[in-house]
Amino acid sequence: ALINLLDELNIPKCFLVGYSMGGRLALYLTLHFPERFYK
């Protein structure tokens, strides 16, 4: 859903910061959608 939101907002690639639960989600995003994140 977050990847879909980035598409809707026309953000093809970005930096990502996640804290605690958000960090677990950020890691999941990193490992499954690596092309979407610089660092």
PDB file of all heavy atoms in Angstrom:
ATOM      1  N   ALA A   1       0.826  -1.206   0.000  1.00  0.00           N
ATOM      2  CA  ALA A   1       0.000   0.000   0.000  1.00  0.00           C
ATOM      3  C   ALA A   1       0.862   1.259   0.000  1.00  0.00           C
ATOM      4  O   ALA A   1       0.519   2.260  -0.646  1.00  0.00           O
ATOM      5  CB  ALA A   1      -0.932  -0.002   1.214  1.00  0.00           C
ATOM      6  N   LEU A   2       1.985   1.223   0.712  1.00  0.00           N
ATOM      7  CA  LEU A   2       2.880   2.385   0.737  1.00  0.00           C
ATOM      8  C   LEU A   2       3.561   2.584  -0.618  1.00  0.00           C
ATOM      9  O   LEU A   2       3.745   3.725  -1.060  1.00  0.00           O
ATOM     10  CB  LEU A   2       3.933   2.220   1.837  1.00  0.00           C
ATOM     11  CG  LEU A   2       3.414   2.309   3.265  1.00  0.00           C
ATOM     12  CD1 LEU A   2       4.558   2.175   4.257  1.00  0.00           C
ATOM     13  CD2 LEU A   2       2.678   3.625   3.502  1.00  0.00           C
ATOM     14  N   ILE A   3       3.921   1.503  -1.278  1.00  0.00           N
ATOM     15  CA  ILE A   3       4.479   1.620  -2.630  1.00  0.00           C
ATOM     16  C   ILE A   3       3.435   2.225  -3.566  1.00  0.00           C
ATOM     17  O   ILE A   3       3.746   3.103  -4.393  1.00  0.00           O
ATOM     18  CB  ILE A   3       4.939   0.241  -3.147  1.00  0.00           C
ATOM     19  CG1 ILE A   3       6.121  -0.275  -2.314  1.00  0.00           C
ATOM     20  CG2 ILE A   3       5.304   0.308  -4.621  1.00  0.00           C
ATOM     21  CD1 ILE A   3       7.365   0.593  -2.356  1.00  0.00           C
ATOM     22  N   ASN A   4       2.192   1.790  -3.417  1.00  0.00           N
ATOM     23  CA  ASN A   4       1.113   2.354  -4.243  1.00  0.00           C
ATOM     24  C   ASN A   4       0.933   3.843  -3.967  1.00  0.00           C
ATOM     25  O   ASN A   4       0.692   4.638  -4.880  1.00  0.00           O
ATOM     26  CB  ASN A   4      -0.206   1.620  -3.977  1.00  0.00           C
ATOM     27  CG  ASN A   4      -0.156   0.163  -4.408  1.00  0.00           C
ATOM     28  OD1 ASN A   4       0.723  -0.243  -5.168  1.00  0.00           O
ATOM     29  ND2 ASN A   4      -1.096  -0.640  -3.917  1.00  0.00           N
ATOM     30  N   LEU A   5       1.067   4.231  -2.676  1.00  0.00           N
ATOM     31  CA  LEU A   5       0.944   5.640  -2.312  1.00  0.00           C
ATOM     32  C   LEU A   5       2.076   6.459  -2.922  1.00  0.00           C
ATOM     33  O   LEU A   5       1.844   7.564  -3.447  1.00  0.00           O
ATOM     34  CB  LEU A   5       0.931   5.795  -0.795  1.00  0.00           C
ATOM     35  CG  LEU A   5       0.833   7.232  -0.267  1.00  0.00           C
ATOM     36  CD1 LEU A   5      -0.491   7.876  -0.677  1.00  0.00           C
ATOM     37  CD2 LEU A   5       0.994   7.264   1.258  1.00  0.00           C
ATOM     38  N   LEU A   6       3.291   5.935  -2.878  1.00  0.00           N
ATOM     39  CA  LEU A   6       4.422   6.621  -3.518  1.00  0.00           C
ATOM     40  C   LEU A   6       4.163   6.803  -5.011  1.00  0.00           C
ATOM     41  O   LEU A   6       4.486   7.860  -5.575  1.00  0.00           O
ATOM     42  CB  LEU A   6       5.716   5.843  -3.288  1.00  0.00           C
ATOM     43  CG  LEU A   6       6.257   5.818  -1.859  1.00  0.00           C
ATOM     44  CD1 LEU A   6       7.471   4.885  -1.754  1.00  0.00           C
ATOM     45  CD2 LEU A   6       6.632   7.218  -1.378  1.00  0.00           C
ATOM     46  N   ASP A   7       3.585   5.789  -5.647  1.00  0.00           N
ATOM     47  CA  ASP A   7       3.240   5.905  -7.067  1.00  0.00           C
ATOM     48  C   ASP A   7       2.213   7.012  -7.294  1.00  0.00           C
ATOM     49  O   ASP A   7       2.353   7.830  -8.211  1.00  0.00           O
ATOM     50  CB  ASP A   7       2.689   4.575  -7.597  1.00  0.00           C
ATOM     51  CG  ASP A   7       3.768   3.503  -7.722  1.00  0.00           C
ATOM     52  OD1 ASP A   7       4.963   3.867  -7.733  1.00  0.00           O
ATOM     53  OD2 ASP A   7       3.404   2.315  -7.792  1.00  0.00           O
ATOM     54  N   GLU A   8       1.189   7.043  -6.452  1.00  0.00           N
ATOM     55  CA  GLU A   8       0.144   8.066  -6.577  1.00  0.00           C
ATOM     56  C   GLU A   8       0.714   9.468  -6.411  1.00  0.00           C
ATOM     57  O   GLU A   8       0.258  10.418  -7.058  1.00  0.00           O
ATOM     58  CB  GLU A   8      -0.947   7.831  -5.529  1.00  0.00           C
ATOM     59  CG  GLU A   8      -1.813   6.603  -5.782  1.00  0.00           C
ATOM     60  CD  GLU A   8      -2.797   6.357  -4.644  1.00  0.00           C
ATOM     61  OE1 GLU A   8      -3.043   7.297  -3.862  1.00  0.00           O
ATOM     62  OE2 GLU A   8      -3.308   5.228  -4.541  1.00  0.00           O
ATOM     63  N   LEU A   9       1.711   9.596  -5.540  1.00  0.00           N
ATOM     64  CA  LEU A   9       2.311  10.902  -5.253  1.00  0.00           C
ATOM     65  C   LEU A   9       3.473  11.216  -6.191  1.00  0.00           C
ATOM     66  O   LEU A   9       4.132  12.254  -6.040  1.00  0.00           O
ATOM     67  CB  LEU A   9       2.786  10.947  -3.795  1.00  0.00           C
ATOM     68  CG  LEU A   9       1.695  10.807  -2.733  1.00  0.00           C
ATOM     69  CD1 LEU A   9       2.304  10.725  -1.336  1.00  0.00           C
ATOM     70  CD2 LEU A   9       0.706  11.974  -2.807  1.00  0.00           C
ATOM     71  N   ASN A  10       3.716  10.326  -7.137  1.00  0.00           N
ATOM     72  CA  ASN A  10       4.782  10.510  -8.127  1.00  0.00           C
ATOM     73  C   ASN A  10       6.154  10.654  -7.459  1.00  0.00           C
ATOM     74  O   ASN A  10       6.930  11.556  -7.776  1.00  0.00           O
ATOM     75  CB  ASN A  10       4.494  11.723  -9.021  1.00  0.00           C
ATOM     76  CG  ASN A  10       5.369  11.740 -10.268  1.00  0.00           C
ATOM     77  OD1 ASN A  10       5.801  10.691 -10.749  1.00  0.00           O
ATOM     78  ND2 ASN A  10       5.645  12.928 -10.786  1.00  0.00           N
ATOM     79  N   ILE A  11       6.417   9.740  -6.514  1.00  0.00           N
ATOM     80  CA  ILE A  11       7.720   9.677  -5.854  1.00  0.00           C
ATOM     81  C   ILE A  11       8.350   8.331  -6.241  1.00  0.00           C
ATOM     82  O   ILE A  11       8.143   7.323  -5.551  1.00  0.00           O
ATOM     83  CB  ILE A  11       7.584   9.800  -4.319  1.00  0.00           C
ATOM     84  CG1 ILE A  11       6.856  11.099  -3.943  1.00  0.00           C
ATOM     85  CG2 ILE A  11       8.962   9.744  -3.660  1.00  0.00           C
ATOM     86  CD1 ILE A  11       6.575  11.233  -2.455  1.00  0.00           C
ATOM     87  N   PRO A  12       9.091   8.283  -7.347  1.00  0.00           N
ATOM     88  CA  PRO A  12       9.619   7.003  -7.817  1.00  0.00           C
ATOM     89  C   PRO A  12      10.697   6.415  -6.928  1.00  0.00           C
ATOM     90  O   PRO A  12      10.882   5.198  -6.872  1.00  0.00           O
ATOM     91  CB  PRO A  12      10.177   7.334  -9.204  1.00  0.00           C
ATOM     92  CG  PRO A  12      10.450   8.804  -9.163  1.00  0.00           C
ATOM     93  CD  PRO A  12       9.415   9.394  -8.261  1.00  0.00           C
ATOM     94  N   LYS A  13      11.442   7.295  -6.211  1.00  0.00           N
ATOM     95  CA  LYS A  13      12.532   6.837  -5.365  1.00  0.00           C
ATOM     96  C   LYS A  13      12.768   7.853  -4.261  1.00  0.00           C
ATOM     97  O   LYS A  13      12.642   9.057  -4.494  1.00  0.00           O
ATOM     98  CB  LYS A  13      13.798   6.647  -6.200  1.00  0.00           C
ATOM     99  CG  LYS A  13      14.866   5.768  -5.566  1.00  0.00           C
ATOM    100  CD  LYS A  13      15.897   5.346  -6.600  1.00  0.00           C
ATOM    101  CE  LYS A  13      16.882   4.337  -6.011  1.00  0.00           C
ATOM    102  NZ  LYS A  13      17.835   3.832  -7.030  1.00  0.00           N
ATOM    103  N   CYS A  14      13.107   7.381  -3.059  1.00  0.00           N
ATOM    104  CA  CYS A  14      13.288   8.310  -1.939  1.00  0.00           C
ATOM    105  C   CYS A  14      14.209   7.691  -0.898  1.00  0.00           C
ATOM    106  O   CYS A  14      14.597   6.526  -0.987  1.00  0.00           O
ATOM    107  CB  CYS A  14      11.938   8.669  -1.316  1.00  0.00           C
ATOM    108  SG  CYS A  14      11.051   7.269  -0.561  1.00  0.00           S
ATOM    109  N   PHE A  15      14.567   8.498   0.091  1.00  0.00           N
ATOM    110  CA  PHE A  15      15.218   7.994   1.294  1.00  0.00           C
ATOM    111  C   PHE A  15      14.119   7.483   2.228  1.00  0.00           C
ATOM    112  O   PHE A  15      12.957   7.898   2.122  1.00  0.00           O
ATOM    113  CB  PHE A  15      16.012   9.099   1.991  1.00  0.00           C
ATOM    114  CG  PHE A  15      17.172   9.600   1.187  1.00  0.00           C
ATOM    115  CD1 PHE A  15      17.111  10.834   0.559  1.00  0.00           C
ATOM    116  CD2 PHE A  15      18.329   8.849   1.053  1.00  0.00           C
ATOM    117  CE1 PHE A  15      18.178  11.310  -0.187  1.00  0.00           C
ATOM    118  CE2 PHE A  15      19.404   9.315   0.309  1.00  0.00           C
ATOM    119  CZ  PHE A  15      19.324  10.552  -0.305  1.00  0.00           C
ATOM    120  N   LEU A  16      14.489   6.606   3.145  1.00  0.00           N
ATOM    121  CA  LEU A  16      13.499   5.992   4.032  1.00  0.00           C
ATOM    122  C   LEU A  16      14.047   5.942   5.451  1.00  0.00           C
ATOM    123  O   LEU A  16      15.182   5.512   5.669  1.00  0.00           O
ATOM    124  CB  LEU A  16      13.171   4.582   3.533  1.00  0.00           C
ATOM    125  CG  LEU A  16      12.210   3.721   4.336  1.00  0.00           C
ATOM    126  CD1 LEU A  16      10.838   4.380   4.460  1.00  0.00           C
ATOM    127  CD2 LEU A  16      12.066   2.338   3.684  1.00  0.00           C
ATOM    128  N   VAL A  17      13.248   6.403   6.406  1.00  0.00           N
ATOM    129  CA  VAL A  17      13.615   6.361   7.817  1.00  0.00           C
ATOM    130  C   VAL A  17      12.471   5.703   8.579  1.00  0.00           C
ATOM    131  O   VAL A  17      11.319   6.132   8.474  1.00  0.00           O
ATOM    132  CB  VAL A  17      13.862   7.773   8.387  1.00  0.00           C
ATOM    133  CG1 VAL A  17      14.168   7.699   9.888  1.00  0.00           C
ATOM    134  CG2 VAL A  17      14.999   8.468   7.650  1.00  0.00           C
ATOM    135  N   GLY A  18      12.781   4.662   9.346  1.00  0.00           N
ATOM    136  CA  GLY A  18      11.740   3.975  10.111  1.00  0.00           C
ATOM    137  C   GLY A  18      12.159   3.746  11.542  1.00  0.00           C
ATOM    138  O   GLY A  18      13.309   3.372  11.814  1.00  0.00           O
ATOM    139  N   TYR A  19      11.224   3.970  12.459  1.00  0.00           N
ATOM    140  CA  TYR A  19      11.478   3.804  13.892  1.00  0.00           C
ATOM    141  C   TYR A  19      10.695   2.625  14.461  1.00  0.00           C
ATOM    142  O   TYR A  19       9.475   2.549  14.309  1.00  0.00           O
ATOM    143  CB  TYR A  19      11.092   5.094  14.633  1.00  0.00           C
ATOM    144  CG  TYR A  19      10.924   4.934  16.127  1.00  0.00           C
ATOM    145  CD1 TYR A  19      11.974   4.484  16.921  1.00  0.00           C
ATOM    146  CD2 TYR A  19       9.708   5.234  16.753  1.00  0.00           C
ATOM    147  CE1 TYR A  19      11.818   4.329  18.297  1.00  0.00           C
ATOM    148  CE2 TYR A  19       9.547   5.096  18.127  1.00  0.00           C
ATOM    149  CZ  TYR A  19      10.608   4.636  18.890  1.00  0.00           C
ATOM    150  OH  TYR A  19      10.446   4.477  20.242  1.00  0.00           O
ATOM    151  N   SER A  20      11.386   1.682  15.114  1.00  0.00           N
ATOM    152  CA  SER A  20      10.771   0.575  15.835  1.00  0.00           C
ATOM    153  C   SER A  20       9.828  -0.221  14.921  1.00  0.00           C
ATOM    154  O   SER A  20      10.277  -0.806  13.953  1.00  0.00           O
ATOM    155  CB  SER A  20      10.056   1.102  17.086  1.00  0.00           C
ATOM    156  OG  SER A  20       9.816   0.074  18.013  1.00  0.00           O
ATOM    157  N   MET A  21       8.525  -0.231  15.159  1.00  0.00           N
ATOM    158  CA  MET A  21       7.605  -0.915  14.245  1.00  0.00           C
ATOM    159  C   MET A  21       7.766  -0.367  12.828  1.00  0.00           C
ATOM    160  O   MET A  21       7.797  -1.121  11.846  1.00  0.00           O
ATOM    161  CB  MET A  21       6.157  -0.752  14.695  1.00  0.00           C
ATOM    162  CG  MET A  21       5.139  -1.307  13.703  1.00  0.00           C
ATOM    163  SD  MET A  21       3.408  -0.945  14.133  1.00  0.00           S
ATOM    164  CE  MET A  21       3.031  -2.374  15.144  1.00  0.00           C
ATOM    165  N   GLY A  22       7.877   0.944  12.721  1.00  0.00           N
ATOM    166  CA  GLY A  22       8.101   1.553  11.410  1.00  0.00           C
ATOM    167  C   GLY A  22       9.429   1.147  10.808  1.00  0.00           C
ATOM    168  O   GLY A  22       9.586   1.106   9.582  1.00  0.00           O
ATOM    169  N   GLY A  23      10.404   0.820  11.677  1.00  0.00           N
ATOM    170  CA  GLY A  23      11.690   0.328  11.198  1.00  0.00           C
ATOM    171  C   GLY A  23      11.583  -1.081  10.638  1.00  0.00           C
ATOM    172  O   GLY A  23      12.219  -1.415   9.634  1.00  0.00           O
ATOM    173  N   ARG A  24      10.773  -1.911  11.283  1.00  0.00           N
ATOM    174  CA  ARG A  24      10.556  -3.264  10.743  1.00  0.00           C
ATOM    175  C   ARG A  24       9.879  -3.180   9.380  1.00  0.00           C
ATOM    176  O   ARG A  24      10.230  -3.909   8.448  1.00  0.00           O
ATOM    177  CB  ARG A  24       9.708  -4.095  11.707  1.00  0.00           C
ATOM    178  CG  ARG A  24      10.432  -4.472  12.994  1.00  0.00           C
ATOM    179  CD  ARG A  24       9.671  -5.489  13.825  1.00  0.00           C
ATOM    180  NE  ARG A  24       8.511  -4.932  14.509  1.00  0.00           N
ATOM    181  CZ  ARG A  24       7.253  -5.092  14.147  1.00  0.00           C
ATOM    182  NH1 ARG A  24       6.954  -5.812  13.075  1.00  0.00           N
ATOM    183  NH2 ARG A  24       6.268  -4.553  14.844  1.00  0.00           N
ATOM    184  N   LEU A  25       8.913  -2.273   9.269  1.00  0.00           N
ATOM    185  CA  LEU A  25       8.241  -2.066   7.990  1.00  0.00           C
ATOM    186  C   LEU A  25       9.215  -1.508   6.956  1.00  0.00           C
ATOM    187  O   LEU A  25       9.205  -1.921   5.783  1.00  0.00           O
ATOM    188  CB  LEU A  25       7.054  -1.109   8.187  1.00  0.00           C
ATOM    189  CG  LEU A  25       6.288  -0.665   6.946  1.00  0.00           C
ATOM    190  CD1 LEU A  25       5.734  -1.861   6.170  1.00  0.00           C
ATOM    191  CD2 LEU A  25       5.152   0.281   7.340  1.00  0.00           C
ATOM    192  N   ALA A  26      10.061  -0.575   7.380  1.00  0.00           N
ATOM    193  CA  ALA A  26      11.049   0.008   6.467  1.00  0.00           C
ATOM    194  C   ALA A  26      12.008  -1.064   5.949  1.00  0.00           C
ATOM    195  O   ALA A  26      12.378  -1.068   4.763  1.00  0.00           O
ATOM    196  CB  ALA A  26      11.824   1.118   7.174  1.00  0.00           C
ATOM    197  N   LEU A  27      12.416  -1.983   6.817  1.00  0.00           N
ATOM    198  CA  LEU A  27      13.309  -3.050   6.381  1.00  0.00           C
ATOM    199  C   LEU A  27      12.603  -3.981   5.403  1.00  0.00           C
ATOM    200  O   LEU A  27      13.194  -4.415   4.406  1.00  0.00           O
ATOM    201  CB  LEU A  27      13.826  -3.837   7.592  1.00  0.00           C
ATOM    202  CG  LEU A  27      14.803  -4.974   7.276  1.00  0.00           C
ATOM    203  CD1 LEU A  27      16.029  -4.464   6.536  1.00  0.00           C
ATOM    204  CD2 LEU A  27      15.220  -5.696   8.569  1.00  0.00           C
ATOM    205  N   TYR A  28      11.345  -4.280   5.676  1.00  0.00           N
ATOM    206  CA  TYR A  28      10.575  -5.109   4.745  1.00  0.00           C
ATOM    207  C   TYR A  28      10.501  -4.433   3.366  1.00  0.00           C
ATOM    208  O   TYR A  28      10.723  -5.079   2.327  1.00  0.00           O
ATOM    209  CB  TYR A  28       9.158  -5.350   5.283  1.00  0.00           C
ATOM    210  CG  TYR A  28       8.342  -6.306   4.434  1.00  0.00           C
ATOM    211  CD1 TYR A  28       8.281  -7.662   4.761  1.00  0.00           C
ATOM    212  CD2 TYR A  28       7.657  -5.866   3.309  1.00  0.00           C
ATOM    213  CE1 TYR A  28       7.548  -8.551   3.974  1.00  0.00           C
ATOM    214  CE2 TYR A  28       6.921  -6.741   2.518  1.00  0.00           C
ATOM    215  CZ  TYR A  28       6.876  -8.085   2.851  1.00  0.00           C
ATOM    216  OH  TYR A  28       6.163  -8.960   2.069  1.00  0.00           O
ATOM    217  N   LEU A  29      10.225  -3.139   3.353  1.00  0.00           N
ATOM    218  CA  LEU A  29      10.176  -2.383   2.095  1.00  0.00           C
ATOM    219  C   LEU A  29      11.522  -2.422   1.380  1.00  0.00           C
ATOM    220  O   LEU A  29      11.602  -2.621   0.161  1.00  0.00           O
ATOM    221  CB  LEU A  29       9.780  -0.934   2.382  1.00  0.00           C
ATOM    222  CG  LEU A  29       8.304  -0.662   2.667  1.00  0.00           C
ATOM    223  CD1 LEU A  29       8.130   0.686   3.375  1.00  0.00           C
ATOM    224  CD2 LEU A  29       7.482  -0.699   1.383  1.00  0.00           C
ATOM    225  N   THR A  30      12.589  -2.249   2.140  1.00  0.00           N
ATOM    226  CA  THR A  30      13.945  -2.236   1.571  1.00  0.00           C
ATOM    227  C   THR A  30      14.268  -3.542   0.881  1.00  0.00           C
ATOM    228  O   THR A  30      14.835  -3.559  -0.219  1.00  0.00           O
ATOM    229  CB  THR A  30      14.978  -1.976   2.687  1.00  0.00           C
ATOM    230  OG1 THR A  30      14.667  -0.740   3.339  1.00  0.00           O
ATOM    231  CG2 THR A  30      16.382  -1.904   2.121  1.00  0.00           C
ATOM    232  N   LEU A  31      13.920  -4.651   1.526  1.00  0.00           N
ATOM    233  CA  LEU A  31      14.278  -5.963   1.003  1.00  0.00           C
ATOM    234  C   LEU A  31      13.369  -6.437  -0.123  1.00  0.00           C
ATOM    235  O   LEU A  31      13.777  -7.272  -0.935  1.00  0.00           O
ATOM    236  CB  LEU A  31      14.275  -6.983   2.149  1.00  0.00           C
ATOM    237  CG  LEU A  31      15.307  -6.723   3.265  1.00  0.00           C
ATOM    238  CD1 LEU A  31      15.109  -7.696   4.420  1.00  0.00           C
ATOM    239  CD2 LEU A  31      16.724  -6.815   2.721  1.00  0.00           C
ATOM    240  N   HIS A  32      12.155  -5.900  -0.182  1.00  0.00           N
ATOM    241  CA  HIS A  32      11.209  -6.334  -1.209  1.00  0.00           C
ATOM    242  C   HIS A  32      11.042  -5.334  -2.354  1.00  0.00           C
ATOM    243  O   HIS A  32      10.617  -5.710  -3.453  1.00  0.00           O
ATOM    244  CB  HIS A  32       9.841  -6.627  -0.574  1.00  0.00           C
ATOM    245  CG  HIS A  32       9.829  -7.852   0.281  1.00  0.00           C
ATOM    246  ND1 HIS A  32      10.251  -7.843   1.593  1.00  0.00           N
ATOM    247  CD2 HIS A  32       9.456  -9.135   0.021  1.00  0.00           C
ATOM    248  CE1 HIS A  32      10.133  -9.067   2.103  1.00  0.00           C
ATOM    249  NE2 HIS A  32       9.653  -9.862   1.173  1.00  0.00           N
ATOM    250  N   PHE A  33      11.377  -4.077  -2.109  1.00  0.00           N
ATOM    251  CA  PHE A  33      11.271  -3.045  -3.149  1.00  0.00           C
ATOM    252  C   PHE A  33      12.543  -2.190  -3.165  1.00  0.00           C
ATOM    253  O   PHE A  33      12.489  -0.958  -3.049  1.00  0.00           O
ATOM    254  CB  PHE A  33      10.050  -2.153  -2.885  1.00  0.00           C
ATOM    255  CG  PHE A  33       8.748  -2.894  -2.767  1.00  0.00           C
ATOM    256  CD1 PHE A  33       8.268  -3.295  -1.520  1.00  0.00           C
ATOM    257  CD2 PHE A  33       7.994  -3.207  -3.898  1.00  0.00           C
ATOM    258  CE1 PHE A  33       7.060  -3.973  -1.399  1.00  0.00           C
ATOM    259  CE2 PHE A  33       6.787  -3.893  -3.787  1.00  0.00           C
ATOM    260  CZ  PHE A  33       6.316  -4.281  -2.532  1.00  0.00           C
ATOM    261  N   PRO A  34      13.717  -2.815  -3.319  1.00  0.00           N
ATOM    262  CA  PRO A  34      14.984  -2.082  -3.185  1.00  0.00           C
ATOM    263  C   PRO A  34      15.163  -0.964  -4.205  1.00  0.00           C
ATOM    264  O   PRO A  34      15.861   0.021  -3.927  1.00  0.00           O
ATOM    265  CB  PRO A  34      16.045  -3.178  -3.364  1.00  0.00           C
ATOM    266  CG  PRO A  34      15.352  -4.267  -4.128  1.00  0.00           C
ATOM    267  CD  PRO A  34      13.930  -4.236  -3.650  1.00  0.00           C
ATOM    268  N   GLU A  35      14.521  -1.103  -5.348  1.00  0.00           N
ATOM    269  CA  GLU A  35      14.672  -0.091  -6.401  1.00  0.00           C
ATOM    270  C   GLU A  35      14.009   1.228  -6.049  1.00  0.00           C
ATOM    271  O   GLU A  35      14.237   2.247  -6.715  1.00  0.00           O
ATOM    272  CB  GLU A  35      14.092  -0.634  -7.717  1.00  0.00           C
ATOM    273  CG  GLU A  35      12.577  -0.753  -7.771  1.00  0.00           C
ATOM    274  CD  GLU A  35      11.996  -1.950  -7.020  1.00  0.00           C
ATOM    275  OE1 GLU A  35      12.780  -2.766  -6.501  1.00  0.00           O
ATOM    276  OE2 GLU A  35      10.750  -2.055  -6.964  1.00  0.00           O
ATOM    277  N   ARG A  36      13.227   1.260  -4.974  1.00  0.00           N
ATOM    278  CA  ARG A  36      12.483   2.466  -4.614  1.00  0.00           C
ATOM    279  C   ARG A  36      13.203   3.361  -3.597  1.00  0.00           C
ATOM    280  O   ARG A  36      12.711   4.442  -3.276  1.00  0.00           O
ATOM    281  CB  ARG A  36      11.100   2.085  -4.043  1.00  0.00           C
ATOM    282  CG  ARG A  36      10.241   1.230  -4.961  1.00  0.00           C
ATOM    283  CD  ARG A  36       9.995   1.903  -6.316  1.00  0.00           C
ATOM    284  NE  ARG A  36       9.237   3.132  -6.209  1.00  0.00           N
ATOM    285  CZ  ARG A  36       7.924   3.239  -6.408  1.00  0.00           C
ATOM    286  NH1 ARG A  36       7.227   2.164  -6.719  1.00  0.00           N
ATOM    287  NH2 ARG A  36       7.322   4.408  -6.323  1.00  0.00           N
ATOM    288  N   PHE A  37      14.358   2.892  -3.084  1.00  0.00           N
ATOM    289  CA  PHE A  37      14.998   3.626  -1.997  1.00  0.00           C
ATOM    290  C   PHE A  37      16.494   3.809  -2.240  1.00  0.00           C
ATOM    291  O   PHE A  37      17.189   2.873  -2.594  1.00  0.00           O
ATOM    292  CB  PHE A  37      14.758   2.891  -0.669  1.00  0.00           C
ATOM    293  CG  PHE A  37      13.300   2.629  -0.411  1.00  0.00           C
ATOM    294  CD1 PHE A  37      12.769   1.357  -0.570  1.00  0.00           C
ATOM    295  CD2 PHE A  37      12.443   3.663  -0.064  1.00  0.00           C
ATOM    296  CE1 PHE A  37      11.411   1.113  -0.370  1.00  0.00           C
ATOM    297  CE2 PHE A  37      11.093   3.441   0.135  1.00  0.00           C
ATOM    298  CZ  PHE A  37      10.570   2.166  -0.022  1.00  0.00           C
ATOM    299  N   TYR A  38      16.959   5.060  -2.049  1.00  0.00           N
ATOM    300  CA  TYR A  38      18.379   5.372  -2.195  1.00  0.00           C
ATOM    301  C   TYR A  38      19.173   4.793  -1.024  1.00  0.00           C
ATOM    302  O   TYR A  38      20.134   4.060  -1.197  1.00  0.00           O
ATOM    303  CB  TYR A  38      18.587   6.896  -2.221  1.00  0.00           C
ATOM    304  CG  TYR A  38      17.924   7.600  -3.358  1.00  0.00           C
ATOM    305  CD1 TYR A  38      16.913   8.525  -3.136  1.00  0.00           C
ATOM    306  CD2 TYR A  38      18.323   7.368  -4.685  1.00  0.00           C
ATOM    307  CE1 TYR A  38      16.307   9.195  -4.178  1.00  0.00           C
ATOM    308  CE2 TYR A  38      17.724   8.031  -5.742  1.00  0.00           C
ATOM    309  CZ  TYR A  38      16.707   8.955  -5.483  1.00  0.00           C
ATOM    310  OH  TYR A  38      16.112   9.613  -6.515  1.00  0.00           O
ATOM    311  N   LYS A  39      18.789   5.189   0.166  1.00  0.00           N
ATOM    312  CA  LYS A  39      19.415   4.742   1.404  1.00  0.00           C
ATOM    313  C   LYS A  39      18.323   4.645   2.469  1.00  0.00           C
ATOM    314  O   LYS A  39      17.303   5.321   2.373  1.00  0.00           O
ATOM    315  CB  LYS A  39      20.497   5.720   1.878  1.00  0.00           C
ATOM    316  CG  LYS A  39      21.716   5.798   0.968  1.00  0.00           C
ATOM    317  CD  LYS A  39      22.740   6.770   1.573  1.00  0.00           C
ATOM    318  CE  LYS A  39      24.016   6.794   0.753  1.00  0.00           C
ATOM    319  NZ  LYS A  39      25.042   7.692   1.369  1.00  0.00           N
TER     320      LYS A  39
END
